[in-house]
Amino acid sequence: KELRSTYNFVLFLMTFDQTVVIGTNTFSQFRYAFFAECKPWFFSLSWVLYDIIVSQHTTTICKAHATWTAVILALMRLKSIQSYGKSELPLTHVLMLCAS
């Protein structure tokens, strides 16, 4: 229960975004390294859909979201400093900021 804070929630989202990016990039690199030959079965429809949807779009979205969560974290810290550590943003406000 001590770890349930808004700061830890934002940090968790940042690490989750980066884990998705690293995981998809690693999978794609292994696939290209081991199956680099130009054969028809290599470029199947399922692989092309994965490459377009997951590898390109999802990683771009996760990178952008991780950047914005860093901005949200900085805003939370600024609010805390301005109030001399007496108040912090409620979790509902942080959830709305992260979702937007």
C-alpha atoms as a PDB file:
ATOM      1  CA  LYS A   1       0.000   0.000   0.000  1.00  0.00           C
ATOM      2  CA  GLU A   2       2.942   2.318   0.542  1.00  0.00           C
ATOM      3  CA  LEU A   3       3.817   2.124  -3.144  1.00  0.00           C
ATOM      4  CA  ARG A   4       0.348   3.201  -4.317  1.00  0.00           C
ATOM      5  CA  SER A   5       1.059   6.787  -5.207  1.00  0.00           C
ATOM      6  CA  THR A   6       0.530   8.916  -8.261  1.00  0.00           C
ATOM      7  CA  TYR A   7       4.272   9.150  -8.892  1.00  0.00           C
ATOM      8  CA  ASN A   8       4.667   5.381  -8.929  1.00  0.00           C
ATOM      9  CA  PHE A   9       1.675   5.060 -11.250  1.00  0.00           C
ATOM     10  CA  VAL A  10       3.229   7.435 -13.775  1.00  0.00           C
ATOM     11  CA  LEU A  11       6.612   5.724 -13.485  1.00  0.00           C
ATOM     12  CA  PHE A  12       4.925   2.361 -14.045  1.00  0.00           C
ATOM     13  CA  LEU A  13       3.298   3.668 -17.233  1.00  0.00           C
ATOM     14  CA  MET A  14       6.658   4.934 -18.462  1.00  0.00           C
ATOM     15  CA  THR A  15       8.338   1.580 -17.870  1.00  0.00           C
ATOM     16  CA  PHE A  16       5.427  -0.291 -19.460  1.00  0.00           C
ATOM     17  CA  ASP A  17       5.666   1.858 -22.600  1.00  0.00           C
ATOM     18  CA  GLN A  18       9.407   1.306 -22.870  1.00  0.00           C
ATOM     19  CA  THR A  19       9.039  -2.443 -22.270  1.00  0.00           C
ATOM     20  CA  VAL A  20       6.588  -2.697 -25.166  1.00  0.00           C
ATOM     21  CA  VAL A  21       8.994  -0.782 -27.417  1.00  0.00           C
ATOM     22  CA  ILE A  22      11.991  -2.915 -26.449  1.00  0.00           C
ATOM     23  CA  GLY A  23      10.028  -6.146 -26.786  1.00  0.00           C
ATOM     24  CA  THR A  24       8.702  -5.424 -30.268  1.00  0.00           C
ATOM     25  CA  ASN A  25      12.052  -4.120 -31.506  1.00  0.00           C
ATOM     26  CA  THR A  26      13.869  -7.166 -30.153  1.00  0.00           C
ATOM     27  CA  PHE A  27      11.400  -9.552 -31.770  1.00  0.00           C
ATOM     28  CA  SER A  28      11.649  -7.732 -35.101  1.00  0.00           C
ATOM     29  CA  GLN A  29      15.455  -7.679 -35.018  1.00  0.00           C
ATOM     30  CA  PHE A  30      15.670 -11.414 -34.291  1.00  0.00           C
ATOM     31  CA  ARG A  31      13.238 -12.139 -37.091  1.00  0.00           C
ATOM     32  CA  TYR A  32      15.228 -10.066 -39.587  1.00  0.00           C
ATOM     33  CA  ALA A  33      18.553 -11.491 -38.409  1.00  0.00           C
ATOM     34  CA  PHE A  34      17.572 -15.158 -38.680  1.00  0.00           C
ATOM     35  CA  PHE A  35      15.291 -14.974 -41.710  1.00  0.00           C
ATOM     36  CA  ALA A  36      17.013 -12.377 -43.858  1.00  0.00           C
ATOM     37  CA  GLU A  37      16.568 -14.324 -47.079  1.00  0.00           C
ATOM     38  CA  CYS A  38      14.084 -12.971 -49.567  1.00  0.00           C
ATOM     39  CA  LYS A  39      11.591 -15.820 -49.767  1.00  0.00           C
ATOM     40  CA  PRO A  40       7.833 -15.526 -50.311  1.00  0.00           C
ATOM     41  CA  TRP A  41       6.893 -17.194 -47.013  1.00  0.00           C
ATOM     42  CA  PHE A  42       8.994 -14.656 -45.127  1.00  0.00           C
ATOM     43  CA  PHE A  43       6.709 -11.801 -46.149  1.00  0.00           C
ATOM     44  CA  SER A  44       3.389 -13.388 -45.215  1.00  0.00           C
ATOM     45  CA  LEU A  45       0.266 -11.342 -44.603  1.00  0.00           C
ATOM     46  CA  SER A  46       0.396 -11.937 -40.850  1.00  0.00           C
ATOM     47  CA  TRP A  47       3.984 -10.717 -40.665  1.00  0.00           C
ATOM     48  CA  VAL A  48       3.198  -7.624 -42.723  1.00  0.00           C
ATOM     49  CA  LEU A  49       0.216  -6.805 -40.478  1.00  0.00           C
ATOM     50  CA  TYR A  50       2.389  -7.297 -37.386  1.00  0.00           C
ATOM     51  CA  ASP A  51       5.120  -5.131 -38.865  1.00  0.00           C
ATOM     52  CA  ILE A  52       2.766  -2.308 -39.820  1.00  0.00           C
ATOM     53  CA  ILE A  53       0.439  -2.321 -36.813  1.00  0.00           C
ATOM     54  CA  VAL A  54       2.580  -3.439 -33.904  1.00  0.00           C
ATOM     55  CA  SER A  55       6.145  -2.772 -34.848  1.00  0.00           C
ATOM     56  CA  GLN A  56       5.657   0.641 -36.401  1.00  0.00           C
ATOM     57  CA  HIS A  57       2.511   2.234 -35.002  1.00  0.00           C
ATOM     58  CA  THR A  58       2.505   0.797 -31.493  1.00  0.00           C
ATOM     59  CA  THR A  59       6.149   1.605 -30.863  1.00  0.00           C
ATOM     60  CA  THR A  60       5.654   5.153 -32.097  1.00  0.00           C
ATOM     61  CA  ILE A  61       2.611   5.602 -29.863  1.00  0.00           C
ATOM     62  CA  CYS A  62       4.402   4.105 -26.851  1.00  0.00           C
ATOM     63  CA  LYS A  63       7.454   6.323 -27.374  1.00  0.00           C
ATOM     64  CA  ALA A  64       5.258   9.413 -27.559  1.00  0.00           C
ATOM     65  CA  HIS A  65       3.255   8.330 -24.510  1.00  0.00           C
ATOM     66  CA  ALA A  66       6.444   7.753 -22.511  1.00  0.00           C
ATOM     67  CA  THR A  67       7.598  11.258 -23.406  1.00  0.00           C
ATOM     68  CA  TRP A  68       4.301  12.774 -22.313  1.00  0.00           C
ATOM     69  CA  THR A  69       4.307  10.822 -19.054  1.00  0.00           C
ATOM     70  CA  ALA A  70       7.710  12.374 -18.360  1.00  0.00           C
ATOM     71  CA  VAL A  71       6.115  15.786 -18.902  1.00  0.00           C
ATOM     72  CA  ILE A  72       3.240  14.827 -16.584  1.00  0.00           C
ATOM     73  CA  LEU A  73       5.751  13.708 -13.968  1.00  0.00           C
ATOM     74  CA  ALA A  74       7.536  17.053 -14.241  1.00  0.00           C
ATOM     75  CA  LEU A  75       4.228  18.909 -13.838  1.00  0.00           C
ATOM     76  CA  MET A  76       3.388  16.822 -10.775  1.00  0.00           C
ATOM     77  CA  ARG A  77       6.784  17.617  -9.292  1.00  0.00           C
ATOM     78  CA  LEU A  78       6.346  21.326 -10.048  1.00  0.00           C
ATOM     79  CA  LYS A  79       2.964  21.365  -8.303  1.00  0.00           C
ATOM     80  CA  SER A  80       4.482  19.602  -5.312  1.00  0.00           C
ATOM     81  CA  ILE A  81       7.370  22.076  -5.120  1.00  0.00           C
ATOM     82  CA  GLN A  82       5.055  25.067  -5.432  1.00  0.00           C
ATOM     83  CA  SER A  83       2.962  23.827  -2.529  1.00  0.00           C
ATOM     84  CA  TYR A  84       6.086  23.033  -0.469  1.00  0.00           C
ATOM     85  CA  GLY A  85       5.259  19.313  -0.544  1.00  0.00           C
ATOM     86  CA  LYS A  86       1.868  19.704   1.129  1.00  0.00           C
ATOM     87  CA  SER A  87      -0.275  18.674  -1.814  1.00  0.00           C
ATOM     88  CA  GLU A  88      -0.021  16.509  -4.874  1.00  0.00           C
ATOM     89  CA  LEU A  89      -2.291  15.861  -7.808  1.00  0.00           C
ATOM     90  CA  PRO A  90      -5.102  13.391  -7.120  1.00  0.00           C
ATOM     91  CA  LEU A  91      -4.980  10.052  -8.868  1.00  0.00           C
ATOM     92  CA  THR A  92      -8.080  10.827 -10.949  1.00  0.00           C
ATOM     93  CA  HIS A  93      -6.415  13.917 -12.437  1.00  0.00           C
ATOM     94  CA  VAL A  94      -3.271  11.946 -13.202  1.00  0.00           C
ATOM     95  CA  LEU A  95      -5.339   9.199 -14.839  1.00  0.00           C
ATOM     96  CA  MET A  96      -7.081  11.748 -17.055  1.00  0.00           C
ATOM     97  CA  LEU A  97      -3.762  13.353 -18.012  1.00  0.00           C
ATOM     98  CA  CYS A  98      -2.187  10.000 -18.866  1.00  0.00           C
ATOM     99  CA  ALA A  99      -5.223   8.822 -20.805  1.00  0.00           C
ATOM    100  CA  SER A 100      -5.391  11.988 -22.848  1.00  0.00           C
END
